[in-house]
Each structure stands twice: as structure tokens, then as C-alpha cells.
C-alpha atoms as a PDB file:
ATOM      1  CA  UNK A   1      -5.527  11.816 -19.724  1.00  0.00           C
ATOM      2  CA  UNK A   2      -2.050  12.923 -19.939  1.00  0.00           C
ATOM      3  CA  UNK A   3       1.131  11.402 -19.549  1.00  0.00           C
ATOM      4  CA  UNK A   4       3.960  12.639 -17.416  1.00  0.00           C
ATOM      5  CA  UNK A   5       7.004  11.089 -18.792  1.00  0.00           C
ATOM      6  CA  UNK A   6       9.587  11.240 -15.979  1.00  0.00           C
ATOM      7  CA  UNK A   7      13.241  11.601 -16.968  1.00  0.00           C
ATOM      8  CA  UNK A   8      15.735  13.158 -14.797  1.00  0.00           C
ATOM      9  CA  UNK A   9      13.061  14.478 -12.785  1.00  0.00           C
ATOM     10  CA  UNK A  10      12.554  11.607 -10.362  1.00  0.00           C
ATOM     11  CA  UNK A  11      10.703  13.299  -7.761  1.00  0.00           C
ATOM     12  CA  UNK A  12       6.890  14.684  -7.060  1.00  0.00           C
ATOM     13  CA  UNK A  13       7.992  17.595  -5.305  1.00  0.00           C
ATOM     14  CA  UNK A  14       8.743  20.814  -7.182  1.00  0.00           C
ATOM     15  CA  UNK A  15       7.772  18.965 -10.634  1.00  0.00           C
ATOM     16  CA  UNK A  16       6.282  21.505 -13.056  1.00  0.00           C
ATOM     17  CA  UNK A  17       5.027  18.594 -15.469  1.00  0.00           C
ATOM     18  CA  UNK A  18       3.042  16.616 -12.657  1.00  0.00           C
ATOM     19  CA  UNK A  19       1.795  19.794 -11.385  1.00  0.00           C
ATOM     20  CA  UNK A  20       0.352  21.153 -14.635  1.00  0.00           C
ATOM     21  CA  UNK A  21      -0.996  17.719 -15.860  1.00  0.00           C
ATOM     22  CA  UNK A  22      -2.430  16.516 -12.633  1.00  0.00           C
ATOM     23  CA  UNK A  23      -4.455  20.118 -12.408  1.00  0.00           C
ATOM     24  CA  UNK A  24      -6.266  19.232 -15.491  1.00  0.00           C
ATOM     25  CA  UNK A  25      -7.119  15.248 -14.977  1.00  0.00           C
ATOM     26  CA  UNK A  26      -5.774  11.857 -14.691  1.00  0.00           C
ATOM     27  CA  UNK A  27      -2.414  11.128 -15.787  1.00  0.00           C
ATOM     28  CA  UNK A  28       0.020   8.208 -16.161  1.00  0.00           C
ATOM     29  CA  UNK A  29       3.233   8.672 -14.302  1.00  0.00           C
ATOM     30  CA  UNK A  30       5.705   6.599 -16.708  1.00  0.00           C
ATOM     31  CA  UNK A  31       8.889   6.003 -16.806  1.00  0.00           C
ATOM     32  CA  UNK A  32      10.705   4.217 -19.512  1.00  0.00           C
ATOM     33  CA  UNK A  33      14.008   2.029 -18.932  1.00  0.00           C
ATOM     34  CA  UNK A  34      15.283   2.424 -22.756  1.00  0.00           C
ATOM     35  CA  UNK A  35      17.623  -0.587 -24.022  1.00  0.00           C
ATOM     36  CA  UNK A  36      19.446   1.655 -26.595  1.00  0.00           C
ATOM     37  CA  UNK A  37      20.289   4.601 -23.932  1.00  0.00           C
ATOM     38  CA  UNK A  38      21.940   2.243 -21.412  1.00  0.00           C
ATOM     39  CA  UNK A  39      24.181   0.767 -23.990  1.00  0.00           C
ATOM     40  CA  UNK A  40      25.685   4.490 -24.078  1.00  0.00           C
ATOM     41  CA  UNK A  41      29.291   4.360 -22.928  1.00  0.00           C
ATOM     42  CA  UNK A  42      28.493   7.090 -20.100  1.00  0.00           C
ATOM     43  CA  UNK A  43      26.442   4.804 -18.505  1.00  0.00           C
ATOM     44  CA  UNK A  44      27.485   1.917 -15.972  1.00  0.00           C
ATOM     45  CA  UNK A  45      25.968  -0.477 -13.324  1.00  0.00           C
ATOM     46  CA  UNK A  46      26.344   1.832 -10.631  1.00  0.00           C
ATOM     47  CA  UNK A  47      24.318   4.208 -12.621  1.00  0.00           C
ATOM     48  CA  UNK A  48      21.647   1.868 -13.036  1.00  0.00           C
ATOM     49  CA  UNK A  49      21.315   0.604  -9.216  1.00  0.00           C
ATOM     50  CA  UNK A  50      21.300   4.345  -8.472  1.00  0.00           C
ATOM     51  CA  UNK A  51      18.377   4.733 -10.822  1.00  0.00           C
ATOM     52  CA  UNK A  52      16.322   1.557  -9.520  1.00  0.00           C
ATOM     53  CA  UNK A  53      16.675   3.051  -6.174  1.00  0.00           C
ATOM     54  CA  UNK A  54      15.374   6.351  -7.294  1.00  0.00           C
ATOM     55  CA  UNK A  55      12.457   4.756  -8.857  1.00  0.00           C
ATOM     56  CA  UNK A  56      11.837   2.703  -5.792  1.00  0.00           C
ATOM     57  CA  UNK A  57      11.063   5.710  -3.734  1.00  0.00           C
ATOM     58  CA  UNK A  58       9.480   7.609  -6.534  1.00  0.00           C
ATOM     59  CA  UNK A  59       6.927   4.968  -6.744  1.00  0.00           C
ATOM     60  CA  UNK A  60       6.230   4.783  -2.912  1.00  0.00           C
ATOM     61  CA  UNK A  61       5.495   8.571  -3.142  1.00  0.00           C
ATOM     62  CA  UNK A  62       3.200   8.143  -6.363  1.00  0.00           C
ATOM     63  CA  UNK A  63       1.553   5.262  -4.684  1.00  0.00           C
ATOM     64  CA  UNK A  64       0.600   7.336  -1.414  1.00  0.00           C
ATOM     65  CA  UNK A  65      -0.888   9.990  -4.002  1.00  0.00           C
ATOM     66  CA  UNK A  66      -3.174   7.094  -5.743  1.00  0.00           C
ATOM     67  CA  UNK A  67      -1.178   6.152  -8.839  1.00  0.00           C
ATOM     68  CA  UNK A  68       1.938   4.232  -8.450  1.00  0.00           C
ATOM     69  CA  UNK A  69       4.618   4.746 -10.935  1.00  0.00           C
ATOM     70  CA  UNK A  70       4.145   3.032 -14.239  1.00  0.00           C
ATOM     71  CA  UNK A  71       7.568   1.436 -15.499  1.00  0.00           C
ATOM     72  CA  UNK A  72       7.892   0.103 -19.244  1.00  0.00           C
ATOM     73  CA  UNK A  73      10.806  -1.360 -21.070  1.00  0.00           C
ATOM     74  CA  UNK A  74      11.418  -0.354 -24.621  1.00  0.00           C
ATOM     75  CA  UNK A  75      12.317   2.382 -26.742  1.00  0.00           C
ATOM     76  CA  UNK A  76      10.263   5.452 -25.873  1.00  0.00           C
ATOM     77  CA  UNK A  77       8.391   5.609 -29.471  1.00  0.00           C
ATOM     78  CA  UNK A  78       7.370   2.142 -29.088  1.00  0.00           C
ATOM     79  CA  UNK A  79       6.058   2.436 -25.424  1.00  0.00           C
ATOM     80  CA  UNK A  80       4.411   5.763 -25.972  1.00  0.00           C
ATOM     81  CA  UNK A  81       2.886   4.329 -29.372  1.00  0.00           C
ATOM     82  CA  UNK A  82       1.410   1.500 -27.290  1.00  0.00           C
ATOM     83  CA  UNK A  83      -0.022   3.499 -24.521  1.00  0.00           C
ATOM     84  CA  UNK A  84      -1.471   6.022 -26.896  1.00  0.00           C
ATOM     85  CA  UNK A  85      -3.260   3.042 -29.044  1.00  0.00           C
ATOM     86  CA  UNK A  86      -4.991   1.984 -25.618  1.00  0.00           C
ATOM     87  CA  UNK A  87      -5.534   5.185 -23.789  1.00  0.00           C
ATOM     88  CA  UNK A  88      -7.163   8.481 -24.762  1.00  0.00           C
ATOM     89  CA  UNK A  89      -3.884  10.319 -24.659  1.00  0.00           C
ATOM     90  CA  UNK A  90      -4.593  13.961 -24.676  1.00  0.00           C
ATOM     91  CA  UNK A  91      -0.816  15.343 -24.093  1.00  0.00           C
ATOM     92  CA  UNK A  92       2.342  14.469 -23.040  1.00  0.00           C
ATOM     93  CA  UNK A  93       4.394  16.032 -20.552  1.00  0.00           C
ATOM     94  CA  UNK A  94       8.403  15.863 -19.915  1.00  0.00           C
ATOM     95  CA  UNK A  95      10.668  18.404 -18.629  1.00  0.00           C
ATOM     96  CA  UNK A  96      13.447  19.579 -21.302  1.00  0.00           C
ATOM     97  CA  UNK A  97      16.131  17.070 -20.706  1.00  0.00           C
ATOM     98  CA  UNK A  98      19.840  18.167 -20.455  1.00  0.00           C
ATOM     99  CA  UNK A  99      21.915  14.796 -20.841  1.00  0.00           C
ATOM    100  CA  UNK A 100      24.004  13.193 -23.821  1.00  0.00           C
ATOM    101  CA  UNK A 101      23.590  13.262 -27.682  1.00  0.00           C
ATOM    102  CA  UNK A 102      21.557  10.168 -27.706  1.00  0.00           C
ATOM    103  CA  UNK A 103      18.841  11.475 -25.682  1.00  0.00           C
ATOM    104  CA  UNK A 104      18.665  14.899 -27.463  1.00  0.00           C
ATOM    105  CA  UNK A 105      18.120  12.886 -30.883  1.00  0.00           C
ATOM    106  CA  UNK A 106      15.519  10.879 -28.925  1.00  0.00           C
ATOM    107  CA  UNK A 107      13.776  14.017 -27.933  1.00  0.00           C
ATOM    108  CA  UNK A 108      13.403  15.137 -31.619  1.00  0.00           C
ATOM    109  CA  UNK A 109      12.354  11.736 -32.968  1.00  0.00           C
ATOM    110  CA  UNK A 110       9.441  11.995 -30.212  1.00  0.00           C
ATOM    111  CA  UNK A 111       8.508  15.328 -31.097  1.00  0.00           C
ATOM    112  CA  UNK A 112       8.258  14.532 -34.628  1.00  0.00           C
ATOM    113  CA  UNK A 113       6.177  11.123 -33.427  1.00  0.00           C
ATOM    114  CA  UNK A 114       3.771  13.163 -31.183  1.00  0.00           C
ATOM    115  CA  UNK A 115       3.257  15.702 -33.875  1.00  0.00           C
ATOM    116  CA  UNK A 116       2.163  13.045 -36.360  1.00  0.00           C
ATOM    117  CA  UNK A 117      -0.414  11.913 -34.073  1.00  0.00           C
ATOM    118  CA  UNK A 118      -1.594  15.214 -33.037  1.00  0.00           C
ATOM    119  CA  UNK A 119      -0.809  15.083 -29.115  1.00  0.00           C
ATOM    120  CA  UNK A 120       0.808  18.120 -27.285  1.00  0.00           C
ATOM    121  CA  UNK A 121       4.166  17.406 -26.433  1.00  0.00           C
ATOM    122  CA  UNK A 122       4.588  20.058 -23.259  1.00  0.00           C
ATOM    123  CA  UNK A 123       8.551  20.458 -22.541  1.00  0.00           C
ATOM    124  CA  UNK A 124       9.193  23.029 -19.409  1.00  0.00           C
ATOM    125  CA  UNK A 125      12.507  24.265 -18.646  1.00  0.00           C
ATOM    126  CA  UNK A 126      14.283  22.313 -16.153  1.00  0.00           C
ATOM    127  CA  UNK A 127      16.691  23.550 -13.345  1.00  0.00           C
ATOM    128  CA  UNK A 128      17.239  27.016 -14.593  1.00  0.00           C
ATOM    129  CA  UNK A 129      18.774  25.768 -18.239  1.00  0.00           C
ATOM    130  CA  UNK A 130      17.508  27.849 -21.409  1.00  0.00           C
ATOM    131  CA  UNK A 131      17.938  26.162 -24.487  1.00  0.00           C
ATOM    132  CA  UNK A 132      18.243  27.808 -27.742  1.00  0.00           C
ATOM    133  CA  UNK A 133      19.467  31.381 -26.630  1.00  0.00           C
ATOM    134  CA  UNK A 134      21.584  33.473 -29.361  1.00  0.00           C
ATOM    135  CA  UNK A 135      24.267  34.091 -26.625  1.00  0.00           C
ATOM    136  CA  UNK A 136      24.521  33.976 -22.892  1.00  0.00           C
ATOM    137  CA  UNK A 137      24.081  37.672 -22.032  1.00  0.00           C
ATOM    138  CA  UNK A 138      21.885  37.926 -19.015  1.00  0.00           C
ATOM    139  CA  UNK A 139      21.973  34.495 -18.670  1.00  0.00           C
ATOM    140  CA  UNK A 140      22.731  34.457 -14.942  1.00  0.00           C
ATOM    141  CA  UNK A 141      19.954  36.710 -14.065  1.00  0.00           C
ATOM    142  CA  UNK A 142      17.422  34.525 -15.946  1.00  0.00           C
ATOM    143  CA  UNK A 143      18.715  31.463 -13.924  1.00  0.00           C
ATOM    144  CA  UNK A 144      18.357  33.639 -10.524  1.00  0.00           C
ATOM    145  CA  UNK A 145      14.919  34.629 -11.780  1.00  0.00           C
ATOM    146  CA  UNK A 146      13.863  31.195 -12.213  1.00  0.00           C
ATOM    147  CA  UNK A 147      15.360  29.935  -8.712  1.00  0.00           C
ATOM    148  CA  UNK A 148      13.943  32.662  -7.072  1.00  0.00           C
ATOM    149  CA  UNK A 149      10.564  31.250  -8.051  1.00  0.00           C
ATOM    150  CA  UNK A 150       8.509  29.356  -5.253  1.00  0.00           C
ATOM    151  CA  UNK A 151       8.827  25.570  -5.248  1.00  0.00           C
ATOM    152  CA  UNK A 152       5.849  23.638  -6.127  1.00  0.00           C
ATOM    153  CA  UNK A 153       4.077  21.305  -3.833  1.00  0.00           C
ATOM    154  CA  UNK A 154       2.951  17.754  -5.110  1.00  0.00           C
ATOM    155  CA  UNK A 155      -0.413  17.209  -6.237  1.00  0.00           C
ATOM    156  CA  UNK A 156      -2.623  16.118  -3.335  1.00  0.00           C
ATOM    157  CA  UNK A 157      -3.966  12.843  -5.003  1.00  0.00           C
ATOM    158  CA  UNK A 158      -3.979  11.217  -8.523  1.00  0.00           C
ATOM    159  CA  UNK A 159      -6.586   9.301 -10.115  1.00  0.00           C
ATOM    160  CA  UNK A 160      -5.979   5.506 -10.230  1.00  0.00           C
ATOM    161  CA  UNK A 161      -5.687   4.395 -14.092  1.00  0.00           C
ATOM    162  CA  UNK A 162      -5.875   0.680 -14.940  1.00  0.00           C
ATOM    163  CA  UNK A 163      -2.317   0.140 -16.609  1.00  0.00           C
ATOM    164  CA  UNK A 164       0.365  -2.443 -15.627  1.00  0.00           C
ATOM    165  CA  UNK A 165       4.153  -1.775 -15.430  1.00  0.00           C
ATOM    166  CA  UNK A 166       6.832  -4.218 -16.937  1.00  0.00           C
ATOM    167  CA  UNK A 167       9.386  -5.891 -14.576  1.00  0.00           C
ATOM    168  CA  UNK A 168      12.336  -4.193 -14.049  1.00  0.00           C
ATOM    169  CA  UNK A 169      14.879  -5.347 -16.085  1.00  0.00           C
ATOM    170  CA  UNK A 170      18.054  -7.448 -15.055  1.00  0.00           C
ATOM    171  CA  UNK A 171      21.412  -5.538 -15.527  1.00  0.00           C
ATOM    172  CA  UNK A 172      22.664  -8.011 -17.838  1.00  0.00           C
ATOM    173  CA  UNK A 173      19.636  -7.245 -20.192  1.00  0.00           C
ATOM    174  CA  UNK A 174      20.928  -3.947 -20.639  1.00  0.00           C
ATOM    175  CA  UNK A 175      24.336  -5.224 -21.278  1.00  0.00           C
ATOM    176  CA  UNK A 176      25.827  -3.763 -17.676  1.00  0.00           C
ATOM    177  CA  UNK A 177      28.422  -5.819 -16.253  1.00  0.00           C
ATOM    178  CA  UNK A 178      28.494  -5.615 -12.197  1.00  0.00           C
ATOM    179  CA  UNK A 179      31.472  -3.468 -11.430  1.00  0.00           C
ATOM    180  CA  UNK A 180      31.869  -4.282  -8.074  1.00  0.00           C
ATOM    181  CA  UNK A 181      31.909  -0.567  -6.798  1.00  0.00           C
ATOM    182  CA  UNK A 182      31.578  -0.924  -3.050  1.00  0.00           C
ATOM    183  CA  UNK A 183      31.316   2.634  -2.179  1.00  0.00           C
ATOM    184  CA  UNK A 184      28.950   4.284  -4.763  1.00  0.00           C
ATOM    185  CA  UNK A 185      26.602   6.670  -3.826  1.00  0.00           C
ATOM    186  CA  UNK A 186      22.738   5.643  -3.253  1.00  0.00           C
ATOM    187  CA  UNK A 187      19.968   7.248  -4.755  1.00  0.00           C
ATOM    188  CA  UNK A 188      16.433   8.042  -3.744  1.00  0.00           C
ATOM    189  CA  UNK A 189      15.110  11.585  -2.548  1.00  0.00           C
ATOM    190  CA  UNK A 190      15.624  10.548   1.297  1.00  0.00           C
ATOM    191  CA  UNK A 191      19.335  10.191   0.714  1.00  0.00           C
ATOM    192  CA  UNK A 192      19.524  13.729  -1.133  1.00  0.00           C
ATOM    193  CA  UNK A 193      17.737  15.565   1.359  1.00  0.00           C
ATOM    194  CA  UNK A 194      19.953  13.629   4.100  1.00  0.00           C
ATOM    195  CA  UNK A 195      23.049  14.747   2.060  1.00  0.00           C
ATOM    196  CA  UNK A 196      21.886  18.396   1.662  1.00  0.00           C
ATOM    197  CA  UNK A 197      21.118  18.614   5.214  1.00  0.00           C
ATOM    198  CA  UNK A 198      24.357  17.391   6.575  1.00  0.00           C
ATOM    199  CA  UNK A 199      26.412  19.360   4.199  1.00  0.00           C
ATOM    200  CA  UNK A 200      24.854  22.877   5.187  1.00  0.00           C
ATOM    201  CA  UNK A 201      24.788  21.866   8.841  1.00  0.00           C
ATOM    202  CA  UNK A 202      28.109  20.007   9.663  1.00  0.00           C
ATOM    203  CA  UNK A 203      30.138  18.872   6.577  1.00  0.00           C
ATOM    204  CA  UNK A 204      29.936  21.904   4.510  1.00  0.00           C
ATOM    205  CA  UNK A 205      31.803  24.144   7.307  1.00  0.00           C
ATOM    206  CA  UNK A 206      35.594  23.693   5.602  1.00  0.00           C
ATOM    207  CA  UNK A 207      34.181  23.405   2.131  1.00  0.00           C
ATOM    208  CA  UNK A 208      35.951  26.085   0.712  1.00  0.00           C
ATOM    209  CA  UNK A 209      39.371  25.060   2.178  1.00  0.00           C
ATOM    210  CA  UNK A 210      38.536  21.353   1.952  1.00  0.00           C
ATOM    211  CA  UNK A 211      36.882  21.048  -1.570  1.00  0.00           C
ATOM    212  CA  UNK A 212      39.920  20.151  -4.116  1.00  0.00           C
ATOM    213  CA  UNK A 213      41.859  17.805  -2.117  1.00  0.00           C
ATOM    214  CA  UNK A 214      40.923  14.020  -2.514  1.00  0.00           C
ATOM    215  CA  UNK A 215      41.565  13.609   1.250  1.00  0.00           C
ATOM    216  CA  UNK A 216      38.862  16.038   2.469  1.00  0.00           C
ATOM    217  CA  UNK A 217      36.419  16.723  -0.429  1.00  0.00           C
ATOM    218  CA  UNK A 218      34.701  13.331   0.013  1.00  0.00           C
ATOM    219  CA  UNK A 219      33.334  14.447   3.430  1.00  0.00           C
ATOM    220  CA  UNK A 220      33.223  18.284   2.672  1.00  0.00           C
ATOM    221  CA  UNK A 221      31.642  18.431  -0.776  1.00  0.00           C
ATOM    222  CA  UNK A 222      27.991  18.222  -0.760  1.00  0.00           C
ATOM    223  CA  UNK A 223      27.891  15.202  -2.876  1.00  0.00           C
ATOM    224  CA  UNK A 224      24.471  15.952  -4.559  1.00  0.00           C
ATOM    225  CA  UNK A 225      25.677  15.971  -8.003  1.00  0.00           C
ATOM    226  CA  UNK A 226      23.963  12.518  -8.685  1.00  0.00           C
ATOM    227  CA  UNK A 227      20.927  13.760  -7.099  1.00  0.00           C
ATOM    228  CA  UNK A 228      20.523  16.744  -9.237  1.00  0.00           C
ATOM    229  CA  UNK A 229      21.423  14.845 -12.514  1.00  0.00           C
ATOM    230  CA  UNK A 230      18.626  12.091 -11.644  1.00  0.00           C
ATOM    231  CA  UNK A 231      16.243  14.869 -10.289  1.00  0.00           C
ATOM    232  CA  UNK A 232      15.585  13.433  -7.098  1.00  0.00           C
ATOM    233  CA  UNK A 233      15.844  16.908  -5.566  1.00  0.00           C
ATOM    234  CA  UNK A 234      15.527  20.162  -7.834  1.00  0.00           C
ATOM    235  CA  UNK A 235      18.262  22.769  -7.730  1.00  0.00           C
ATOM    236  CA  UNK A 236      15.628  24.997  -7.254  1.00  0.00           C
ATOM    237  CA  UNK A 237      14.870  23.461  -4.121  1.00  0.00           C
ATOM    238  CA  UNK A 238      18.603  23.275  -2.842  1.00  0.00           C
ATOM    239  CA  UNK A 239      18.708  27.191  -3.616  1.00  0.00           C
ATOM    240  CA  UNK A 240      15.900  28.062  -1.486  1.00  0.00           C
ATOM    241  CA  UNK A 241      17.072  25.757   1.557  1.00  0.00           C
ATOM    242  CA  UNK A 242      20.663  27.080   1.315  1.00  0.00           C
ATOM    243  CA  UNK A 243      19.164  30.499   1.270  1.00  0.00           C
ATOM    244  CA  UNK A 244      17.168  29.553   4.309  1.00  0.00           C
ATOM    245  CA  UNK A 245      20.139  28.427   6.049  1.00  0.00           C
ATOM    246  CA  UNK A 246      22.159  31.372   5.127  1.00  0.00           C
ATOM    247  CA  UNK A 247      19.931  33.319   6.645  1.00  0.00           C
ATOM    248  CA  UNK A 248      19.823  31.775   9.928  1.00  0.00           C
ATOM    249  CA  UNK A 249      23.555  31.929  10.075  1.00  0.00           C
ATOM    250  CA  UNK A 250      23.445  35.483   9.611  1.00  0.00           C
ATOM    251  CA  UNK A 251      20.940  36.071  12.396  1.00  0.00           C
ATOM    252  CA  UNK A 252      23.541  34.057  14.618  1.00  0.00           C
END
């Protein structure tokens, strides 16, 4: 049994960790809501509402495969320790995370913890980001090489596991005050695909002329940034879709 720890990759499509782990046996698809992370100054109520929508749709997709998303509320080391004590965990999978300094330090702590437990921690690169390079020479070529690889299909099924989720914490439990943003973007993979298609087919027609104006950018830009950030859509998926659409346009 292995843990697939979802972080900024809230999808089942083109998901290296889920594909690799599920090919070798049962997996626990895990998302941890970490209180200390949500105390960071770069997170807000609207981020949390976006996240909840992403998690709801991810849970639907995983449930269709046979195993719902397991939601836990607490600090990552405590959550993983509890699961490891109650389940025969052979490995933990999580994409390399690119976020803030807090998550970077948290991952160092988790690597140390899992090493002490003698449990392998697999961290495949995500979205073409390559860590620990001595310099940036050749970075673009490596990025394109990563993007040109075929996207991964979801597993056909997941083995059900007897493990319960925690209730979704209220925003107040995370110290998040409602900022009253009525025009915030909404989360979930279906919203990401809807935005991508409307940008490629309609809204992006005048992108180069209208992307810099606050009057026109709202409609003419892709508005996919939060979806790339939370991973409802991989950059590689968008790359392939844009390439396919470009080919169609050239053939007109």
C-alpha cells in the first residue's frame, strides 16, 4: 500500500504519482489541510474556497475510480505518522512542490521523517520545473522535452481502502476571514477545461493586443493561472491542447 499525497496537482489526468503508485498496488489518495500553511500571509479566504471546489471535483473523479479522496486536517508529519502506524505503507509519492518557503521547509521535514521510518519518498518533477541545476543553461530545451512527452491517462480503477476522512475545516478554524470577493475565480478541473477551450477558440483571439489593459485583459487572458497553481490542469495538458489547436488553425 502506498500514499499518493496530493498537493498542487489536484487532478487524476497526467498525474505521474498516481499513475506510478497505482500500477503497483493499492493507494491512499491523500490531501492534507495544514493549519500552519493557511496562516501564511499569501493565503486567503478566496484561495480556500477555490481549493474546496478543486477538492470536491477531485473527490468525484477518484470515487468513480473506486477510492474517494482521503482528507486529513493537521500538520503533515502528524498525519503521515498516524496513517503509517495504522496501515502497511510501503512508499509515499508526491510531486515536487513549487510554492512558498514554508512548504519547502515542510518537505525537508517530511523527507527526514520518512527516511527515519525507512519509507521511500518519491518526488517526480512537476510542470517542467527542474530543481538543483547549477545554472539555467539548456533549461528551455529541457522544459520543451518534458512538455512534449505524452500526457498520462488516469488509472482504470483504484482498490477501495478502509480509511476515513476528517471533516472539512471551516475557514474560521484556519483564521480566514471572508473577504467578500464576489468575482473570484472558481476551482475544479471542469472550470479549467472550460477556460482553456474558451481562450483558445474565442477569448484569446486578440490576446496580444488586449493582454496588458485592465479593461480587456479580464476576458482576453487565459485566466488559467490559479488552475495551474492548484494543478487542476497540468501545463503539459495545456501545451498539447494549444499545439493541437494551432495545427487546426494552420490547416484552415
